[in-house]
Amino acid sequence: MIRVVVVDDQQVMREGLVALLGLLDDIEVVGSAGDGAQALALLARQHADVVLMDLRMPVLDGVEATKRVTRDHPGTAVLVLTTYDDDESIAGALRAGARGYLTKDAGRLEIASALRSAAAGQSTFDAGVSERLVAALSGQRRAKPKAVLPDGLTAREAEVLGRIGAGLSNAEIASELFIGEATVKTHINNAFAKIGVRNRAEAVRYAVDHDLT
């Protein structure tokens, strides 16, 4: 049996993952936590083969928690499962020692397979993350939209706004950036909140005004 700890600050997501993994014959969920600090306290009491780790959490985020898990529990692998697939999040998780990286678009079978791989000492990345890693290693990465981005936008949020400015739909943006539509929607919601717009028409004007297209 592969012993798994689920860490996610969203209760619905956390409980859903626990229920989903509980249906698998070779996986046993030995605990769940709402932040990195709770996860470390749990691991101090009982062993887990793999921690399924979210990144953006209160108290102690997933990157710092991953660092501490890999340092203090070398027999425990960390598999990231998060909404975010921007360069900063991916690089931070991998530098911290994460064994694999999936976005929350992943299905049950993909998550189960990644957990088994992590427990076996192998790395797993979803297609979009793999594409970004290959591009970075080959030196073919697309340049960031601007060296200094306005209004606290991340590079990925600026990329999404640029494609909105170019008239692309969510599905077209997802296809071009190798991410899921749910991830595109998350980036749009975050970007709209940062730049203070309420609809795509306003976002188009913002993208044009700030040379993001």
Protein backbone atom coordinates (compact mmCIF):
# COMPACT_ATOMS: atom_id res chain seq x y z
CA MET A 1 0.00 0.00 0.00
CA ILE A 2 1.16 3.52 -0.81
CA ARG A 3 0.61 5.76 2.22
CA VAL A 4 -0.49 9.26 1.19
CA VAL A 5 -1.07 12.56 3.01
CA VAL A 6 -3.30 15.10 1.22
CA VAL A 7 -2.51 18.78 1.80
CA ASP A 8 -4.84 21.49 0.46
CA ASP A 9 -6.31 24.57 2.13
CA GLN A 10 -9.64 24.24 0.31
CA GLN A 11 -11.77 21.86 2.35
CA VAL A 12 -13.95 20.74 -0.55
CA MET A 13 -10.90 19.96 -2.68
CA ARG A 14 -9.14 18.20 0.20
CA GLU A 15 -12.13 16.04 1.07
CA GLY A 16 -12.73 15.25 -2.58
CA LEU A 17 -9.16 14.06 -3.04
CA VAL A 18 -9.34 11.93 0.10
CA ALA A 19 -12.56 10.32 -1.14
CA LEU A 20 -11.17 9.81 -4.66
CA LEU A 21 -7.94 8.21 -3.47
CA GLY A 22 -9.84 6.05 -1.02
CA LEU A 23 -11.36 4.19 -3.97
CA LEU A 24 -7.95 2.91 -5.09
CA ASP A 25 -6.89 -0.51 -3.87
CA ASP A 26 -3.17 0.25 -3.59
CA ILE A 27 -3.38 3.68 -1.95
CA GLU A 28 -4.16 4.46 1.69
CA VAL A 29 -4.78 8.05 2.76
CA VAL A 30 -3.24 8.25 6.23
CA GLY A 31 -4.16 11.87 6.87
CA SER A 32 -4.99 15.28 5.46
CA ALA A 33 -3.99 18.83 6.31
CA GLY A 34 -5.11 22.35 5.47
CA ASP A 35 -1.64 23.92 5.32
CA GLY A 36 2.03 23.07 5.33
CA ALA A 37 2.44 23.39 9.09
CA GLN A 38 -0.36 20.90 9.73
CA ALA A 39 1.21 18.54 7.21
CA LEU A 40 4.58 18.63 8.98
CA ALA A 41 2.91 18.00 12.33
CA LEU A 42 1.10 15.03 10.82
CA LEU A 43 4.28 13.60 9.30
CA ALA A 44 5.99 13.86 12.68
CA ARG A 45 3.42 11.39 14.02
CA GLN A 46 3.21 8.92 11.15
CA HIS A 47 5.05 7.95 8.01
CA ALA A 48 3.76 8.66 4.51
CA ASP A 49 5.25 7.52 1.22
CA VAL A 50 3.93 10.52 -0.70
CA VAL A 51 2.56 13.94 0.20
CA LEU A 52 0.09 15.33 -2.34
CA MET A 53 0.86 19.02 -1.86
CA ASP A 54 -0.97 22.20 -2.85
CA LEU A 55 1.20 25.32 -3.25
CA ARG A 56 -0.75 28.44 -2.27
CA MET A 57 -1.79 27.95 1.36
CA PRO A 58 -1.89 30.06 4.53
CA VAL A 59 0.44 29.66 7.53
CA LEU A 60 3.07 27.67 5.60
CA ASP A 61 2.91 27.45 1.81
CA GLY A 62 3.59 24.40 -0.28
CA VAL A 63 7.08 25.36 -1.44
CA GLU A 64 8.42 25.88 2.07
CA ALA A 65 6.58 22.80 3.31
CA THR A 66 8.13 20.77 0.48
CA LYS A 67 11.61 21.95 1.51
CA ARG A 68 11.01 20.81 5.06
CA VAL A 69 9.46 17.49 4.08
CA THR A 70 12.38 16.59 1.83
CA ARG A 71 14.85 17.71 4.50
CA ASP A 72 13.23 16.12 7.55
CA HIS A 73 11.55 13.10 5.91
CA PRO A 74 13.85 11.94 3.10
CA GLY A 75 11.81 8.77 2.64
CA THR A 76 8.71 10.79 1.76
CA ALA A 77 8.18 12.09 -1.77
CA VAL A 78 6.24 15.27 -2.55
CA LEU A 79 3.90 15.44 -5.53
CA VAL A 80 2.55 18.92 -6.20
CA LEU A 81 -1.11 19.29 -7.22
CA THR A 82 -2.01 22.93 -7.75
CA THR A 83 -4.00 25.38 -9.83
CA TYR A 84 -0.87 27.27 -10.81
CA ASP A 85 1.50 26.38 -13.64
CA ASP A 86 3.48 29.59 -14.02
CA ASP A 87 7.27 29.46 -14.24
CA GLU A 88 7.80 30.79 -10.73
CA SER A 89 5.56 28.17 -9.12
CA ILE A 90 7.06 25.28 -11.10
CA ALA A 91 10.65 26.35 -10.47
CA GLY A 92 10.01 26.97 -6.77
CA ALA A 93 8.45 23.55 -6.25
CA LEU A 94 11.20 21.72 -8.13
CA ARG A 95 13.97 23.59 -6.33
CA ALA A 96 12.29 22.66 -3.04
CA GLY A 97 12.52 18.99 -3.99
CA ALA A 98 9.10 18.08 -5.39
CA ARG A 99 9.14 14.73 -7.20
CA GLY A 100 6.37 15.66 -9.63
CA TYR A 101 4.02 18.49 -10.62
CA LEU A 102 0.38 18.27 -11.73
CA THR A 103 -2.29 20.90 -12.14
CA LYS A 104 -5.80 20.46 -10.78
CA ASP A 105 -7.04 19.72 -14.29
CA ALA A 106 -5.55 16.25 -13.79
CA GLY A 107 -7.97 13.33 -13.66
CA ARG A 108 -8.18 10.51 -11.12
CA LEU A 109 -6.11 8.09 -13.18
CA GLU A 110 -3.39 10.67 -13.83
CA ILE A 111 -3.14 11.55 -10.13
CA ALA A 112 -3.07 7.88 -9.14
CA SER A 113 -0.35 7.11 -11.67
CA ALA A 114 1.73 10.09 -10.51
CA LEU A 115 1.44 8.98 -6.87
CA ARG A 116 2.67 5.50 -7.79
CA SER A 117 5.56 6.97 -9.74
CA ALA A 118 6.52 9.29 -6.90
CA ALA A 119 6.45 6.41 -4.42
CA ALA A 120 8.74 4.48 -6.76
CA GLY A 121 11.23 7.34 -6.95
CA GLN A 122 10.20 8.54 -10.39
CA SER A 123 9.16 12.01 -11.55
CA THR A 124 5.87 12.89 -13.22
CA PHE A 125 4.82 16.16 -14.85
CA ASP A 126 1.63 16.95 -16.70
CA ALA A 127 1.85 17.80 -20.39
CA GLY A 128 1.79 21.57 -19.96
CA VAL A 129 4.49 21.57 -17.30
CA SER A 130 6.65 19.20 -19.35
CA GLU A 131 6.36 21.51 -22.35
CA ARG A 132 7.53 24.49 -20.30
CA LEU A 133 10.44 22.54 -18.84
CA VAL A 134 11.59 21.34 -22.25
CA ALA A 135 11.34 24.87 -23.66
CA ALA A 136 13.33 26.30 -20.75
CA LEU A 137 16.07 23.68 -21.02
CA SER A 138 16.37 24.06 -24.79
CA GLY A 139 16.57 27.85 -24.63
CA GLN A 140 13.47 28.24 -26.77
CA ARG A 141 11.32 29.84 -24.08
CA ARG A 142 9.09 32.65 -25.28
CA ALA A 143 10.19 35.94 -23.76
CA LYS A 144 8.14 37.47 -20.99
CA PRO A 145 5.65 40.07 -22.23
CA LYS A 146 7.55 42.85 -20.42
CA ALA A 147 10.66 42.96 -18.27
CA VAL A 148 8.66 44.71 -15.54
CA LEU A 149 4.97 43.87 -15.57
CA PRO A 150 2.31 46.35 -14.44
CA ASP A 151 -0.04 46.01 -11.45
CA GLY A 152 1.73 42.99 -9.97
CA LEU A 153 0.83 40.70 -12.86
CA THR A 154 2.68 37.41 -13.16
CA ALA A 155 4.23 36.50 -16.49
CA ARG A 156 1.49 33.93 -17.15
CA GLU A 157 -1.30 36.39 -16.27
CA ALA A 158 0.24 38.89 -18.70
CA GLU A 159 0.44 36.18 -21.38
CA VAL A 160 -3.25 35.38 -20.90
CA LEU A 161 -4.22 39.08 -21.02
CA GLY A 162 -2.18 39.47 -24.19
CA ARG A 163 -4.11 36.68 -25.84
CA ILE A 164 -7.42 38.14 -24.68
CA GLY A 165 -6.24 41.37 -26.32
CA ALA A 166 -5.61 39.39 -29.50
CA GLY A 167 -9.18 38.12 -29.43
CA LEU A 168 -8.55 34.51 -28.43
CA SER A 169 -11.18 32.48 -26.57
CA ASN A 170 -10.42 30.64 -23.34
CA ALA A 171 -10.16 27.37 -25.27
CA GLU A 172 -7.74 28.90 -27.77
CA ILE A 173 -5.62 30.38 -24.97
CA ALA A 174 -5.51 27.01 -23.21
CA SER A 175 -4.40 25.28 -26.41
CA GLU A 176 -1.71 27.84 -27.22
CA LEU A 177 -0.25 27.92 -23.70
CA PHE A 178 -0.57 24.16 -23.09
CA ILE A 179 -2.77 24.57 -20.01
CA GLY A 180 -6.33 23.63 -19.10
CA GLU A 181 -9.33 25.93 -19.53
CA ALA A 182 -9.90 25.90 -15.77
CA THR A 183 -6.35 27.20 -15.31
CA VAL A 184 -6.98 29.90 -17.91
CA LYS A 185 -10.10 31.01 -16.00
CA THR A 186 -8.11 31.18 -12.77
CA HIS A 187 -5.45 33.36 -14.39
CA ILE A 188 -8.15 35.60 -15.90
CA ASN A 189 -9.91 36.04 -12.55
CA ASN A 190 -6.62 36.86 -10.81
CA ALA A 191 -5.56 39.27 -13.56
CA PHE A 192 -8.93 41.05 -13.68
CA ALA A 193 -8.79 41.59 -9.91
CA LYS A 194 -5.27 43.03 -10.12
CA ILE A 195 -5.91 45.41 -13.01
CA GLY A 196 -9.42 46.40 -11.94
CA VAL A 197 -11.42 45.38 -15.01
CA ARG A 198 -14.79 43.64 -15.09
CA ASN A 199 -15.05 42.15 -18.57
CA ARG A 200 -13.08 41.09 -21.62
CA ALA A 201 -13.67 44.36 -23.47
CA GLU A 202 -11.98 46.30 -20.68
CA ALA A 203 -9.23 43.68 -20.56
CA VAL A 204 -8.61 44.12 -24.31
CA ARG A 205 -8.17 47.87 -23.83
CA TYR A 206 -5.81 47.26 -20.90
CA ALA A 207 -3.73 44.75 -22.91
CA VAL A 208 -3.40 47.16 -25.81
CA ASP A 209 -2.62 50.18 -23.58
CA HIS A 210 0.10 48.23 -21.74
CA ASP A 211 1.61 46.62 -24.86
CA LEU A 212 0.80 43.06 -23.79
CA THR A 213 -0.57 41.90 -27.15
